């Protein structure tokens, strides 16, 4: 693995950035760039991350985010950067 894009969407509340950053730190994932915004009562965030040092495979990491999504009442998605770029190319 190398670079991935993580998207986070959920009802705004205190601690969302902390919760997501903790998952990243626990999995040795480095934040390369981050953008966040409030849209009415919803929090949105897009994070470009370096997963080079992450000991988990991509499917294992995707399952980690799926589990944490349920625990945190957020939608957290992990995508390979190249796939993300291809999907959003005009």
PDB file of N, CA and C in Angstrom:
ATOM      1  N   UNK A   1       0.845  -1.188   0.000  1.00  0.00           N
ATOM      2  CA  UNK A   1       0.000   0.000   0.000  1.00  0.00           C
ATOM      3  C   UNK A   1       0.882   1.240   0.000  1.00  0.00           C
ATOM      4  N   UNK A   2       0.290   2.335  -0.488  1.00  0.00           N
ATOM      5  CA  UNK A   2       1.016   3.602  -0.433  1.00  0.00           C
ATOM      6  C   UNK A   2       0.060   4.709  -0.044  1.00  0.00           C
ATOM      7  N   UNK A   3      -0.505   5.425  -1.008  1.00  0.00           N
ATOM      8  CA  UNK A   3      -1.423   6.511  -0.680  1.00  0.00           C
ATOM      9  C   UNK A   3      -2.869   6.064  -0.842  1.00  0.00           C
ATOM     10  N   UNK A   4      -3.695   6.549   0.067  1.00  0.00           N
ATOM     11  CA  UNK A   4      -5.124   6.273   0.027  1.00  0.00           C
ATOM     12  C   UNK A   4      -5.877   7.544   0.375  1.00  0.00           C
ATOM     13  N   UNK A   5      -7.160   7.543   0.033  1.00  0.00           N
ATOM     14  CA  UNK A   5      -8.042   8.655   0.364  1.00  0.00           C
ATOM     15  C   UNK A   5      -9.105   8.129   1.328  1.00  0.00           C
ATOM     16  N   UNK A   6      -9.297   8.852   2.412  1.00  0.00           N
ATOM     17  CA  UNK A   6     -10.311   8.498   3.397  1.00  0.00           C
ATOM     18  C   UNK A   6     -11.346   9.612   3.405  1.00  0.00           C
ATOM     19  N   UNK A   7     -12.612   9.234   3.302  1.00  0.00           N
ATOM     20  CA  UNK A   7     -13.693  10.213   3.417  1.00  0.00           C
ATOM     21  C   UNK A   7     -14.473   9.915   4.686  1.00  0.00           C
ATOM     22  N   UNK A   8     -14.882  10.979   5.349  1.00  0.00           N
ATOM     23  CA  UNK A   8     -15.637  10.863   6.596  1.00  0.00           C
ATOM     24  C   UNK A   8     -16.855  11.774   6.497  1.00  0.00           C
ATOM     25  N   UNK A   9     -18.021  11.223   6.783  1.00  0.00           N
ATOM     26  CA  UNK A   9     -19.259  12.006   6.792  1.00  0.00           C
ATOM     27  C   UNK A   9     -20.062  11.581   8.006  1.00  0.00           C
ATOM     28  N   UNK A  10     -20.629  12.576   8.698  1.00  0.00           N
ATOM     29  CA  UNK A  10     -21.473  12.243   9.838  1.00  0.00           C
ATOM     30  C   UNK A  10     -22.094  13.471  10.460  1.00  0.00           C
ATOM     31  N   UNK A  11     -23.022  13.231  11.341  1.00  0.00           N
ATOM     32  CA  UNK A  11     -23.650  14.310  12.104  1.00  0.00           C
ATOM     33  C   UNK A  11     -22.555  14.980  12.930  1.00  0.00           C
ATOM     34  N   UNK A  12     -22.492  16.299  12.885  1.00  0.00           N
ATOM     35  CA  UNK A  12     -21.441  17.026  13.594  1.00  0.00           C
ATOM     36  C   UNK A  12     -21.537  16.796  15.096  1.00  0.00           C
ATOM     37  N   UNK A  13     -20.376  16.609  15.709  1.00  0.00           N
ATOM     38  CA  UNK A  13     -20.266  16.469  17.154  1.00  0.00           C
ATOM     39  C   UNK A  13     -18.819  16.734  17.550  1.00  0.00           C
ATOM     40  N   UNK A  14     -18.610  16.962  18.803  1.00  0.00           N
ATOM     41  CA  UNK A  14     -17.257  17.181  19.318  1.00  0.00           C
ATOM     42  C   UNK A  14     -16.474  15.872  19.243  1.00  0.00           C
ATOM     43  N   UNK A  15     -15.232  15.935  18.767  1.00  0.00           N
ATOM     44  CA  UNK A  15     -14.342  14.791  18.813  1.00  0.00           C
ATOM     45  C   UNK A  15     -14.209  13.970  17.548  1.00  0.00           C
ATOM     46  N   UNK A  16     -14.881  14.346  16.463  1.00  0.00           N
ATOM     47  CA  UNK A  16     -14.782  13.541  15.241  1.00  0.00           C
ATOM     48  C   UNK A  16     -13.341  13.505  14.726  1.00  0.00           C
ATOM     49  N   UNK A  17     -12.700  14.641  14.638  1.00  0.00           N
ATOM     50  CA  UNK A  17     -11.321  14.680  14.124  1.00  0.00           C
ATOM     51  C   UNK A  17     -10.416  13.835  15.021  1.00  0.00           C
ATOM     52  N   UNK A  18     -10.588  13.952  16.320  1.00  0.00           N
ATOM     53  CA  UNK A  18      -9.803  13.144  17.266  1.00  0.00           C
ATOM     54  C   UNK A  18     -10.026  11.657  17.029  1.00  0.00           C
ATOM     55  N   UNK A  19     -11.286  11.254  16.913  1.00  0.00           N
ATOM     56  CA  UNK A  19     -11.610   9.834  16.737  1.00  0.00           C
ATOM     57  C   UNK A  19     -10.959   9.265  15.480  1.00  0.00           C
ATOM     58  N   UNK A  20     -11.045   9.997  14.385  1.00  0.00           N
ATOM     59  CA  UNK A  20     -10.465   9.521  13.123  1.00  0.00           C
ATOM     60  C   UNK A  20      -8.937   9.547  13.203  1.00  0.00           C
ATOM     61  N   UNK A  21      -8.358  10.599  13.747  1.00  0.00           N
ATOM     62  CA  UNK A  21      -6.899  10.680  13.875  1.00  0.00           C
ATOM     63  C   UNK A  21      -6.355   9.558  14.758  1.00  0.00           C
ATOM     64  N   UNK A  22      -7.095   9.171  15.772  1.00  0.00           N
ATOM     65  CA  UNK A  22      -6.668   8.075  16.651  1.00  0.00           C
ATOM     66  C   UNK A  22      -6.630   6.754  15.881  1.00  0.00           C
ATOM     67  N   UNK A  23      -7.629   6.502  15.039  1.00  0.00           N
ATOM     68  CA  UNK A  23      -7.622   5.293  14.216  1.00  0.00           C
ATOM     69  C   UNK A  23      -6.385   5.285  13.319  1.00  0.00           C
ATOM     70  N   UNK A  24      -6.108   6.438  12.710  1.00  0.00           N
ATOM     71  CA  UNK A  24      -4.944   6.536  11.827  1.00  0.00           C
ATOM     72  C   UNK A  24      -3.651   6.286  12.594  1.00  0.00           C
ATOM     73  N   UNK A  25      -3.491   6.931  13.735  1.00  0.00           N
ATOM     74  CA  UNK A  25      -2.267   6.754  14.534  1.00  0.00           C
ATOM     75  C   UNK A  25      -2.121   5.309  15.006  1.00  0.00           C
ATOM     76  N   UNK A  26      -3.214   4.708  15.441  1.00  0.00           N
ATOM     77  CA  UNK A  26      -3.171   3.315  15.912  1.00  0.00           C
ATOM     78  C   UNK A  26      -2.744   2.345  14.814  1.00  0.00           C
ATOM     79  N   UNK A  27      -2.944   2.740  13.555  1.00  0.00           N
ATOM     80  CA  UNK A  27      -2.590   1.886  12.427  1.00  0.00           C
ATOM     81  C   UNK A  27      -1.366   2.381  11.664  1.00  0.00           C
ATOM     82  N   UNK A  28      -0.621   3.290  12.264  1.00  0.00           N
ATOM     83  CA  UNK A  28       0.615   3.837  11.697  1.00  0.00           C
ATOM     84  C   UNK A  28       0.392   4.441  10.308  1.00  0.00           C
ATOM     85  N   UNK A  29      -0.678   5.213  10.204  1.00  0.00           N
ATOM     86  CA  UNK A  29      -1.029   5.882   8.950  1.00  0.00           C
ATOM     87  C   UNK A  29      -0.773   7.374   9.114  1.00  0.00           C
ATOM     88  N   UNK A  30      -0.052   7.958   8.166  1.00  0.00           N
ATOM     89  CA  UNK A  30       0.327   9.364   8.235  1.00  0.00           C
ATOM     90  C   UNK A  30      -0.598  10.228   7.383  1.00  0.00           C
ATOM     91  N   UNK A  31      -1.072  11.327   7.956  1.00  0.00           N
ATOM     92  CA  UNK A  31      -1.894  12.287   7.223  1.00  0.00           C
ATOM     93  C   UNK A  31      -0.984  13.154   6.359  1.00  0.00           C
ATOM     94  N   UNK A  32      -1.260  13.190   5.047  1.00  0.00           N
ATOM     95  CA  UNK A  32      -0.484  14.010   4.126  1.00  0.00           C
ATOM     96  C   UNK A  32      -1.201  15.314   3.797  1.00  0.00           C
ATOM     97  N   UNK A  33      -2.530  15.250   3.750  1.00  0.00           N
ATOM     98  CA  UNK A  33      -3.331  16.437   3.471  1.00  0.00           C
ATOM     99  C   UNK A  33      -4.731  16.179   4.018  1.00  0.00           C
ATOM    100  N   UNK A  34      -5.370  17.240   4.463  1.00  0.00           N
ATOM    101  CA  UNK A  34      -6.693  17.074   5.064  1.00  0.00           C
ATOM    102  C   UNK A  34      -7.558  18.287   4.744  1.00  0.00           C
ATOM    103  N   UNK A  35      -8.824  18.027   4.476  1.00  0.00           N
ATOM    104  CA  UNK A  35      -9.799  19.078   4.231  1.00  0.00           C
ATOM    105  C   UNK A  35     -11.063  18.703   4.991  1.00  0.00           C
ATOM    106  N   UNK A  36     -11.614  19.663   5.693  1.00  0.00           N
ATOM    107  CA  UNK A  36     -12.855  19.393   6.424  1.00  0.00           C
ATOM    108  C   UNK A  36     -13.789  20.573   6.281  1.00  0.00           C
ATOM    109  N   UNK A  37     -15.080  20.281   6.396  1.00  0.00           N
ATOM    110  CA  UNK A  37     -16.077  21.320   6.224  1.00  0.00           C
ATOM    111  C   UNK A  37     -17.357  20.925   6.943  1.00  0.00           C
ATOM    112  N   UNK A  38     -18.063  21.928   7.427  1.00  0.00           N
ATOM    113  CA  UNK A  38     -19.396  21.711   7.984  1.00  0.00           C
ATOM    114  C   UNK A  38     -20.414  22.104   6.926  1.00  0.00           C
ATOM    115  N   UNK A  39     -21.390  21.227   6.730  1.00  0.00           N
ATOM    116  CA  UNK A  39     -22.494  21.491   5.804  1.00  0.00           C
ATOM    117  C   UNK A  39     -23.767  21.348   6.624  1.00  0.00           C
ATOM    118  N   UNK A  40     -24.297  22.495   7.064  1.00  0.00           N
ATOM    119  CA  UNK A  40     -25.418  22.510   8.010  1.00  0.00           C
ATOM    120  C   UNK A  40     -25.001  21.734   9.266  1.00  0.00           C
ATOM    121  N   UNK A  41     -25.694  20.649   9.583  1.00  0.00           N
ATOM    122  CA  UNK A  41     -25.365  19.875  10.783  1.00  0.00           C
ATOM    123  C   UNK A  41     -24.453  18.690  10.492  1.00  0.00           C
ATOM    124  N   UNK A  42     -23.901  18.631   9.280  1.00  0.00           N
ATOM    125  CA  UNK A  42     -23.082  17.489   8.896  1.00  0.00           C
ATOM    126  C   UNK A  42     -21.620  17.881   8.755  1.00  0.00           C
ATOM    127  N   UNK A  43     -20.769  17.007   9.246  1.00  0.00           N
ATOM    128  CA  UNK A  43     -19.327  17.165   9.177  1.00  0.00           C
ATOM    129  C   UNK A  43     -18.823  16.325   8.006  1.00  0.00           C
ATOM    130  N   UNK A  44     -17.978  16.906   7.158  1.00  0.00           N
ATOM    131  CA  UNK A  44     -17.366  16.162   6.060  1.00  0.00           C
ATOM    132  C   UNK A  44     -15.852  16.360   6.105  1.00  0.00           C
ATOM    133  N   UNK A  45     -15.133  15.318   5.765  1.00  0.00           N
ATOM    134  CA  UNK A  45     -13.673  15.402   5.786  1.00  0.00           C
ATOM    135  C   UNK A  45     -13.115  14.475   4.705  1.00  0.00           C
ATOM    136  N   UNK A  46     -12.099  14.957   4.004  1.00  0.00           N
ATOM    137  CA  UNK A  46     -11.352  14.150   3.041  1.00  0.00           C
ATOM    138  C   UNK A  46      -9.893  14.195   3.478  1.00  0.00           C
ATOM    139  N   UNK A  47      -9.284  13.024   3.588  1.00  0.00           N
ATOM    140  CA  UNK A  47      -7.908  12.936   4.071  1.00  0.00           C
ATOM    141  C   UNK A  47      -7.078  12.128   3.081  1.00  0.00           C
ATOM    142  N   UNK A  48      -5.964  12.686   2.636  1.00  0.00           N
ATOM    143  CA  UNK A  48      -4.988  11.938   1.849  1.00  0.00           C
ATOM    144  C   UNK A  48      -3.978  11.377   2.840  1.00  0.00           C
ATOM    145  N   UNK A  49      -3.796  10.065   2.808  1.00  0.00           N
ATOM    146  CA  UNK A  49      -2.921   9.429   3.801  1.00  0.00           C
ATOM    147  C   UNK A  49      -1.850   8.576   3.129  1.00  0.00           C
ATOM    148  N   UNK A  50      -0.745   8.398   3.855  1.00  0.00           N
ATOM    149  CA  UNK A  50       0.335   7.500   3.456  1.00  0.00           C
ATOM    150  C   UNK A  50       0.203   6.253   4.331  1.00  0.00           C
ATOM    151  N   UNK A  51      -0.051   5.118   3.699  1.00  0.00           N
ATOM    152  CA  UNK A  51      -0.250   3.872   4.437  1.00  0.00           C
ATOM    153  C   UNK A  51       0.962   2.937   4.357  1.00  0.00           C
ATOM    154  N   UNK A  52       2.099   3.458   3.928  1.00  0.00           N
ATOM    155  CA  UNK A  52       3.299   2.646   3.734  1.00  0.00           C
ATOM    156  C   UNK A  52       3.684   1.864   4.988  1.00  0.00           C
ATOM    157  N   UNK A  53       3.572   2.478   6.159  1.00  0.00           N
ATOM    158  CA  UNK A  53       4.004   1.828   7.405  1.00  0.00           C
ATOM    159  C   UNK A  53       2.897   1.028   8.089  1.00  0.00           C
ATOM    160  N   UNK A  54       1.712   1.045   7.524  1.00  0.00           N
ATOM    161  CA  UNK A  54       0.588   0.312   8.113  1.00  0.00           C
ATOM    162  C   UNK A  54       0.830  -1.194   7.966  1.00  0.00           C
ATOM    163  N   UNK A  55       0.773  -1.934   9.071  1.00  0.00           N
ATOM    164  CA  UNK A  55       1.019  -3.382   9.001  1.00  0.00           C
ATOM    165  C   UNK A  55      -0.148  -4.184   8.415  1.00  0.00           C
ATOM    166  N   UNK A  56      -1.299  -3.567   8.241  1.00  0.00           N
ATOM    167  CA  UNK A  56      -2.477  -4.281   7.741  1.00  0.00           C
ATOM    168  C   UNK A  56      -2.549  -4.222   6.213  1.00  0.00           C
ATOM    169  N   UNK A  57      -3.153  -5.256   5.631  1.00  0.00           N
ATOM    170  CA  UNK A  57      -3.417  -5.249   4.194  1.00  0.00           C
ATOM    171  C   UNK A  57      -4.574  -4.280   3.925  1.00  0.00           C
ATOM    172  N   UNK A  58      -4.764  -3.927   2.662  1.00  0.00           N
ATOM    173  CA  UNK A  58      -5.852  -3.012   2.316  1.00  0.00           C
ATOM    174  C   UNK A  58      -7.210  -3.557   2.763  1.00  0.00           C
ATOM    175  N   UNK A  59      -7.532  -4.840   2.496  1.00  0.00           N
ATOM    176  CA  UNK A  59      -8.827  -5.370   2.965  1.00  0.00           C
ATOM    177  C   UNK A  59      -8.965  -5.357   4.491  1.00  0.00           C
ATOM    178  N   UNK A  60      -7.896  -5.649   5.214  1.00  0.00           N
ATOM    179  CA  UNK A  60      -7.944  -5.606   6.680  1.00  0.00           C
ATOM    180  C   UNK A  60      -8.194  -4.182   7.167  1.00  0.00           C
ATOM    181  N   UNK A  61      -7.526  -3.240   6.530  1.00  0.00           N
ATOM    182  CA  UNK A  61      -7.691  -1.841   6.910  1.00  0.00           C
ATOM    183  C   UNK A  61      -9.096  -1.349   6.575  1.00  0.00           C
ATOM    184  N   UNK A  62      -9.619  -1.744   5.429  1.00  0.00           N
ATOM    185  CA  UNK A  62     -10.986  -1.373   5.059  1.00  0.00           C
ATOM    186  C   UNK A  62     -11.982  -1.921   6.084  1.00  0.00           C
ATOM    187  N   UNK A  63     -11.760  -3.132   6.565  1.00  0.00           N
ATOM    188  CA  UNK A  63     -12.632  -3.717   7.589  1.00  0.00           C
ATOM    189  C   UNK A  63     -12.508  -2.953   8.903  1.00  0.00           C
ATOM    190  N   UNK A  64     -11.305  -2.517   9.245  1.00  0.00           N
ATOM    191  CA  UNK A  64     -11.106  -1.705  10.450  1.00  0.00           C
ATOM    192  C   UNK A  64     -11.949  -0.437  10.366  1.00  0.00           C
ATOM    193  N   UNK A  65     -11.908   0.240   9.226  1.00  0.00           N
ATOM    194  CA  UNK A  65     -12.699   1.467   9.065  1.00  0.00           C
ATOM    195  C   UNK A  65     -14.193   1.179   9.068  1.00  0.00           C
ATOM    196  N   UNK A  66     -14.597   0.059   8.481  1.00  0.00           N
ATOM    197  CA  UNK A  66     -16.028  -0.306   8.496  1.00  0.00           C
ATOM    198  C   UNK A  66     -16.494  -0.533   9.941  1.00  0.00           C
ATOM    199  N   UNK A  67     -15.702  -1.233  10.712  1.00  0.00           N
ATOM    200  CA  UNK A  67     -16.044  -1.486  12.122  1.00  0.00           C
ATOM    201  C   UNK A  67     -16.109  -0.185  12.919  1.00  0.00           C
ATOM    202  N   UNK A  68     -15.116   0.660  12.726  1.00  0.00           N
ATOM    203  CA  UNK A  68     -15.078   1.932  13.446  1.00  0.00           C
ATOM    204  C   UNK A  68     -16.215   2.851  12.997  1.00  0.00           C
ATOM    205  N   UNK A  69     -16.599   2.772  11.736  1.00  0.00           N
ATOM    206  CA  UNK A  69     -17.741   3.554  11.247  1.00  0.00           C
ATOM    207  C   UNK A  69     -18.984   3.241  12.072  1.00  0.00           C
ATOM    208  N   UNK A  70     -19.216   1.947  12.277  1.00  0.00           N
ATOM    209  CA  UNK A  70     -20.384   1.538  13.070  1.00  0.00           C
ATOM    210  C   UNK A  70     -20.259   2.019  14.515  1.00  0.00           C
ATOM    211  N   UNK A  71     -19.072   1.862  15.096  1.00  0.00           N
ATOM    212  CA  UNK A  71     -18.853   2.260  16.497  1.00  0.00           C
ATOM    213  C   UNK A  71     -19.006   3.760  16.716  1.00  0.00           C
ATOM    214  N   UNK A  72     -18.601   4.551  15.731  1.00  0.00           N
ATOM    215  CA  UNK A  72     -18.574   6.013  15.875  1.00  0.00           C
ATOM    216  C   UNK A  72     -19.770   6.708  15.235  1.00  0.00           C
ATOM    217  N   UNK A  73     -20.662   5.951  14.631  1.00  0.00           N
ATOM    218  CA  UNK A  73     -21.836   6.511  13.941  1.00  0.00           C
ATOM    219  C   UNK A  73     -21.407   7.514  12.863  1.00  0.00           C
ATOM    220  N   UNK A  74     -20.387   7.126  12.091  1.00  0.00           N
ATOM    221  CA  UNK A  74     -19.875   7.916  10.980  1.00  0.00           C
ATOM    222  C   UNK A  74     -19.800   7.028   9.751  1.00  0.00           C
ATOM    223  N   UNK A  75     -19.726   7.648   8.592  1.00  0.00           N
ATOM    224  CA  UNK A  75     -19.422   6.898   7.382  1.00  0.00           C
ATOM    225  C   UNK A  75     -17.970   7.184   7.039  1.00  0.00           C
ATOM    226  N   UNK A  76     -17.116   6.181   7.222  1.00  0.00           N
ATOM    227  CA  UNK A  76     -15.689   6.325   6.941  1.00  0.00           C
ATOM    228  C   UNK A  76     -15.353   5.354   5.821  1.00  0.00           C
ATOM    229  N   UNK A  77     -14.852   5.892   4.709  1.00  0.00           N
ATOM    230  CA  UNK A  77     -14.513   5.046   3.564  1.00  0.00           C
ATOM    231  C   UNK A  77     -13.048   5.197   3.202  1.00  0.00           C
ATOM    232  N   UNK A  78     -12.446   4.092   2.877  1.00  0.00           N
ATOM    233  CA  UNK A  78     -11.056   4.040   2.457  1.00  0.00           C
ATOM    234  C   UNK A  78     -11.011   3.663   0.985  1.00  0.00           C
ATOM    235  N   UNK A  79     -10.266   4.446   0.196  1.00  0.00           N
ATOM    236  CA  UNK A  79     -10.101   4.150  -1.229  1.00  0.00           C
ATOM    237  C   UNK A  79      -8.639   4.313  -1.615  1.00  0.00           C
ATOM    238  N   UNK A  80      -8.190   3.466  -2.526  1.00  0.00           N
ATOM    239  CA  UNK A  80      -6.867   3.631  -3.093  1.00  0.00           C
ATOM    240  C   UNK A  80      -6.831   4.960  -3.833  1.00  0.00           C
ATOM    241  N   UNK A  81      -5.754   5.709  -3.707  1.00  0.00           N
ATOM    242  CA  UNK A  81      -5.672   7.039  -4.318  1.00  0.00           C
ATOM    243  C   UNK A  81      -5.856   6.990  -5.832  1.00  0.00           C
ATOM    244  N   UNK A  82      -5.280   6.011  -6.495  1.00  0.00           N
ATOM    245  CA  UNK A  82      -5.389   5.936  -7.955  1.00  0.00           C
ATOM    246  C   UNK A  82      -6.833   5.675  -8.384  1.00  0.00           C
ATOM    247  N   UNK A  83      -7.538   4.820  -7.653  1.00  0.00           N
ATOM    248  CA  UNK A  83      -8.939   4.551  -7.967  1.00  0.00           C
ATOM    249  C   UNK A  83      -9.774   5.798  -7.708  1.00  0.00           C
ATOM    250  N   UNK A  84      -9.494   6.486  -6.590  1.00  0.00           N
ATOM    251  CA  UNK A  84     -10.214   7.719  -6.257  1.00  0.00           C
ATOM    252  C   UNK A  84     -10.035   8.751  -7.376  1.00  0.00           C
ATOM    253  N   UNK A  85      -8.800   8.927  -7.835  1.00  0.00           N
ATOM    254  CA  UNK A  85      -8.534   9.886  -8.912  1.00  0.00           C
ATOM    255  C   UNK A  85      -9.261   9.503 -10.193  1.00  0.00           C
ATOM    256  N   UNK A  86      -9.231   8.225 -10.534  1.00  0.00           N
ATOM    257  CA  UNK A  86      -9.899   7.767 -11.750  1.00  0.00           C
ATOM    258  C   UNK A  86     -11.396   7.987 -11.692  1.00  0.00           C
ATOM    259  N   UNK A  87     -11.989   7.763 -10.538  1.00  0.00           N
ATOM    260  CA  UNK A  87     -13.434   7.933 -10.380  1.00  0.00           C
ATOM    261  C   UNK A  87     -13.850   9.395 -10.448  1.00  0.00           C
ATOM    262  N   UNK A  88     -12.961  10.312 -10.090  1.00  0.00           N
ATOM    263  CA  UNK A  88     -13.310  11.719 -10.019  1.00  0.00           C
ATOM    264  C   UNK A  88     -12.673  12.561 -11.118  1.00  0.00           C
ATOM    265  N   UNK A  89     -12.153  11.900 -12.124  1.00  0.00           N
ATOM    266  CA  UNK A  89     -11.542  12.602 -13.256  1.00  0.00           C
ATOM    267  C   UNK A  89     -12.636  13.033 -14.226  1.00  0.00           C
ATOM    268  N   UNK A  90     -12.538  14.241 -14.686  1.00  0.00           N
ATOM    269  CA  UNK A  90     -13.538  14.762 -15.636  1.00  0.00           C
ATOM    270  C   UNK A  90     -13.011  14.635 -17.045  1.00  0.00           C
TER     271      UNK A  90
END
